[in-house]
Every structure is written in structure tokens, then in C-alpha cells.
Amino acid sequence: KQYSDLPKAVWARRTLYQLKGHPLLVNEVFLPALLNF
């Protein structure tokens, strides 16, 4: 199935946390148009 009305760009962020002295990299990608399906 193709969704031609989805946006061509998405919004994302990357955050580096420290957990007990160790790095924890979290990547989040937000796809708001997918919530419509």
C-alpha cells in the first residue's frame, strides 16, 4: 500500500544521556501523519 499524501520530510532528534556513567544515545523520529491511519 502506498501513502502518497504523507509528508516528504520528518522531524527527528538525537539526545545523549548519561546512565550510571555510561553514554545512552536516544534517537526519536516523529511521524505525525502516520497517526491518521
PDB file of N, CA and C in Angstrom:
ATOM      1  N   LYS A   1       0.847  -1.177   0.000  1.00  0.00           N
ATOM      2  CA  LYS A   1       0.000   0.000   0.000  1.00  0.00           C
ATOM      3  C   LYS A   1       0.888   1.234   0.000  1.00  0.00           C
ATOM      4  N   GLN A   2       0.531   2.218  -0.815  1.00  0.00           N
ATOM      5  CA  GLN A   2       1.287   3.460  -0.885  1.00  0.00           C
ATOM      6  C   GLN A   2       0.467   4.593  -0.294  1.00  0.00           C
ATOM      7  N   TYR A   3       1.158   5.480   0.405  1.00  0.00           N
ATOM      8  CA  TYR A   3       0.515   6.638   1.022  1.00  0.00           C
ATOM      9  C   TYR A   3       1.084   7.893   0.379  1.00  0.00           C
ATOM     10  N   SER A   4       0.478   8.339  -0.683  1.00  0.00           N
ATOM     11  CA  SER A   4       1.013   9.477  -1.427  1.00  0.00           C
ATOM     12  C   SER A   4       0.841  10.797  -0.694  1.00  0.00           C
ATOM     13  N   ASP A   5      -0.060  10.857   0.290  1.00  0.00           N
ATOM     14  CA  ASP A   5      -0.296  12.120   0.983  1.00  0.00           C
ATOM     15  C   ASP A   5       0.565  12.299   2.235  1.00  0.00           C
ATOM     16  N   LEU A   6       1.524  11.400   2.478  1.00  0.00           N
ATOM     17  CA  LEU A   6       2.425  11.558   3.617  1.00  0.00           C
ATOM     18  C   LEU A   6       3.409  12.687   3.338  1.00  0.00           C
ATOM     19  N   PRO A   7       3.848  13.387   4.383  1.00  0.00           N
ATOM     20  CA  PRO A   7       4.823  14.460   4.167  1.00  0.00           C
ATOM     21  C   PRO A   7       6.145  13.901   3.653  1.00  0.00           C
ATOM     22  N   LYS A   8       6.863  14.717   2.920  1.00  0.00           N
ATOM     23  CA  LYS A   8       8.137  14.291   2.346  1.00  0.00           C
ATOM     24  C   LYS A   8       9.267  14.352   3.370  1.00  0.00           C
ATOM     25  N   ALA A   9       9.059  15.066   4.467  1.00  0.00           N
ATOM     26  CA  ALA A   9      10.089  15.198   5.496  1.00  0.00           C
ATOM     27  C   ALA A   9       9.520  14.796   6.849  1.00  0.00           C
ATOM     28  N   VAL A  10      10.394  14.360   7.719  1.00  0.00           N
ATOM     29  CA  VAL A  10      10.006  14.022   9.088  1.00  0.00           C
ATOM     30  C   VAL A  10      10.885  14.829  10.038  1.00  0.00           C
ATOM     31  N   TRP A  11      10.468  14.885  11.282  1.00  0.00           N
ATOM     32  CA  TRP A  11      11.219  15.601  12.297  1.00  0.00           C
ATOM     33  C   TRP A  11      11.842  14.575  13.223  1.00  0.00           C
ATOM     34  N   ALA A  12      13.118  14.756  13.544  1.00  0.00           N
ATOM     35  CA  ALA A  12      13.811  13.800  14.408  1.00  0.00           C
ATOM     36  C   ALA A  12      14.754  14.542  15.343  1.00  0.00           C
ATOM     37  N   ARG A  13      15.097  13.854  16.427  1.00  0.00           N
ATOM     38  CA  ARG A  13      16.091  14.414  17.343  1.00  0.00           C
ATOM     39  C   ARG A  13      16.927  13.288  17.924  1.00  0.00           C
ATOM     40  N   ARG A  14      18.119  13.650  18.328  1.00  0.00           N
ATOM     41  CA  ARG A  14      19.061  12.702  18.924  1.00  0.00           C
ATOM     42  C   ARG A  14      19.547  13.324  20.231  1.00  0.00           C
ATOM     43  N   THR A  15      19.472  12.554  21.302  1.00  0.00           N
ATOM     44  CA  THR A  15      19.859  13.049  22.621  1.00  0.00           C
ATOM     45  C   THR A  15      20.823  12.062  23.262  1.00  0.00           C
ATOM     46  N   LEU A  16      21.875  12.589  23.841  1.00  0.00           N
ATOM     47  CA  LEU A  16      22.855  11.761  24.535  1.00  0.00           C
ATOM     48  C   LEU A  16      22.679  11.954  26.034  1.00  0.00           C
ATOM     49  N   TYR A  17      22.361  10.885  26.729  1.00  0.00           N
ATOM     50  CA  TYR A  17      22.185  10.892  28.179  1.00  0.00           C
ATOM     51  C   TYR A  17      23.346  10.151  28.824  1.00  0.00           C
ATOM     52  N   GLN A  18      23.482  10.325  30.127  1.00  0.00           N
ATOM     53  CA  GLN A  18      24.435   9.557  30.923  1.00  0.00           C
ATOM     54  C   GLN A  18      23.635   8.694  31.891  1.00  0.00           C
ATOM     55  N   LEU A  19      23.875   7.401  31.871  1.00  0.00           N
ATOM     56  CA  LEU A  19      23.179   6.471  32.755  1.00  0.00           C
ATOM     57  C   LEU A  19      24.229   5.682  33.532  1.00  0.00           C
ATOM     58  N   LYS A  20      24.347   5.984  34.803  1.00  0.00           N
ATOM     59  CA  LYS A  20      25.346   5.330  35.667  1.00  0.00           C
ATOM     60  C   LYS A  20      26.746   5.436  35.069  1.00  0.00           C
ATOM     61  N   GLY A  21      27.056   6.603  34.531  1.00  0.00           N
ATOM     62  CA  GLY A  21      28.385   6.846  33.983  1.00  0.00           C
ATOM     63  C   GLY A  21      28.608   6.347  32.570  1.00  0.00           C
ATOM     64  N   HIS A  22      27.591   5.774  31.950  1.00  0.00           N
ATOM     65  CA  HIS A  22      27.712   5.253  30.588  1.00  0.00           C
ATOM     66  C   HIS A  22      26.837   6.077  29.646  1.00  0.00           C
ATOM     67  N   PRO A  23      27.312   6.313  28.428  1.00  0.00           N
ATOM     68  CA  PRO A  23      26.507   7.071  27.474  1.00  0.00           C
ATOM     69  C   PRO A  23      25.314   6.258  26.969  1.00  0.00           C
ATOM     70  N   LEU A  24      24.211   6.939  26.804  1.00  0.00           N
ATOM     71  CA  LEU A  24      23.000   6.320  26.254  1.00  0.00           C
ATOM     72  C   LEU A  24      22.472   7.249  25.165  1.00  0.00           C
ATOM     73  N   LEU A  25      22.551   6.813  23.922  1.00  0.00           N
ATOM     74  CA  LEU A  25      22.109   7.615  22.788  1.00  0.00           C
ATOM     75  C   LEU A  25      20.677   7.235  22.433  1.00  0.00           C
ATOM     76  N   VAL A  26      19.797   8.233  22.414  1.00  0.00           N
ATOM     77  CA  VAL A  26      18.385   8.011  22.100  1.00  0.00           C
ATOM     78  C   VAL A  26      18.055   8.758  20.817  1.00  0.00           C
ATOM     79  N   ASN A  27      17.529   8.037  19.839  1.00  0.00           N
ATOM     80  CA  ASN A  27      17.071   8.629  18.585  1.00  0.00           C
ATOM     81  C   ASN A  27      15.557   8.554  18.544  1.00  0.00           C
ATOM     82  N   GLU A  28      14.913   9.687  18.273  1.00  0.00           N
ATOM     83  CA  GLU A  28      13.455   9.726  18.161  1.00  0.00           C
ATOM     84  C   GLU A  28      13.091  10.280  16.790  1.00  0.00           C
ATOM     85  N   VAL A  29      12.189   9.619  16.111  1.00  0.00           N
ATOM     86  CA  VAL A  29      11.697  10.085  14.816  1.00  0.00           C
ATOM     87  C   VAL A  29      10.193  10.241  14.935  1.00  0.00           C
ATOM     88  N   PHE A  30       9.704  11.422  14.616  1.00  0.00           N
ATOM     89  CA  PHE A  30       8.290  11.735  14.756  1.00  0.00           C
ATOM     90  C   PHE A  30       7.619  11.700  13.383  1.00  0.00           C
ATOM     91  N   LEU A  31       6.620  10.863  13.261  1.00  0.00           N
ATOM     92  CA  LEU A  31       5.888  10.688  12.011  1.00  0.00           C
ATOM     93  C   LEU A  31       4.415  11.009  12.263  1.00  0.00           C
ATOM     94  N   PRO A  32       4.058  12.272  12.429  1.00  0.00           N
ATOM     95  CA  PRO A  32       2.690  12.616  12.826  1.00  0.00           C
ATOM     96  C   PRO A  32       1.627  12.181  11.826  1.00  0.00           C
ATOM     97  N   ALA A  33       1.937  12.125  10.562  1.00  0.00           N
ATOM     98  CA  ALA A  33       0.932  11.744   9.568  1.00  0.00           C
ATOM     99  C   ALA A  33       0.524  10.279   9.713  1.00  0.00           C
ATOM    100  N   LEU A  34       1.386   9.437  10.245  1.00  0.00           N
ATOM    101  CA  LEU A  34       1.041   8.026  10.396  1.00  0.00           C
ATOM    102  C   LEU A  34      -0.037   7.802  11.447  1.00  0.00           C
ATOM    103  N   LEU A  35      -0.242   8.769  12.321  1.00  0.00           N
ATOM    104  CA  LEU A  35      -1.290   8.643  13.331  1.00  0.00           C
ATOM    105  C   LEU A  35      -2.686   8.703  12.714  1.00  0.00           C
ATOM    106  N   ASN A  36      -2.788   9.145  11.476  1.00  0.00           N
ATOM    107  CA  ASN A  36      -4.081   9.247  10.793  1.00  0.00           C
ATOM    108  C   ASN A  36      -4.551   7.907  10.236  1.00  0.00           C
ATOM    109  N   PHE A  37      -3.701   6.890  10.234  1.00  0.00           N
ATOM    110  CA  PHE A  37      -4.046   5.613   9.613  1.00  0.00           C
ATOM    111  C   PHE A  37      -4.411   4.574  10.639  1.00  0.00           C
TER     112      PHE A  37
END
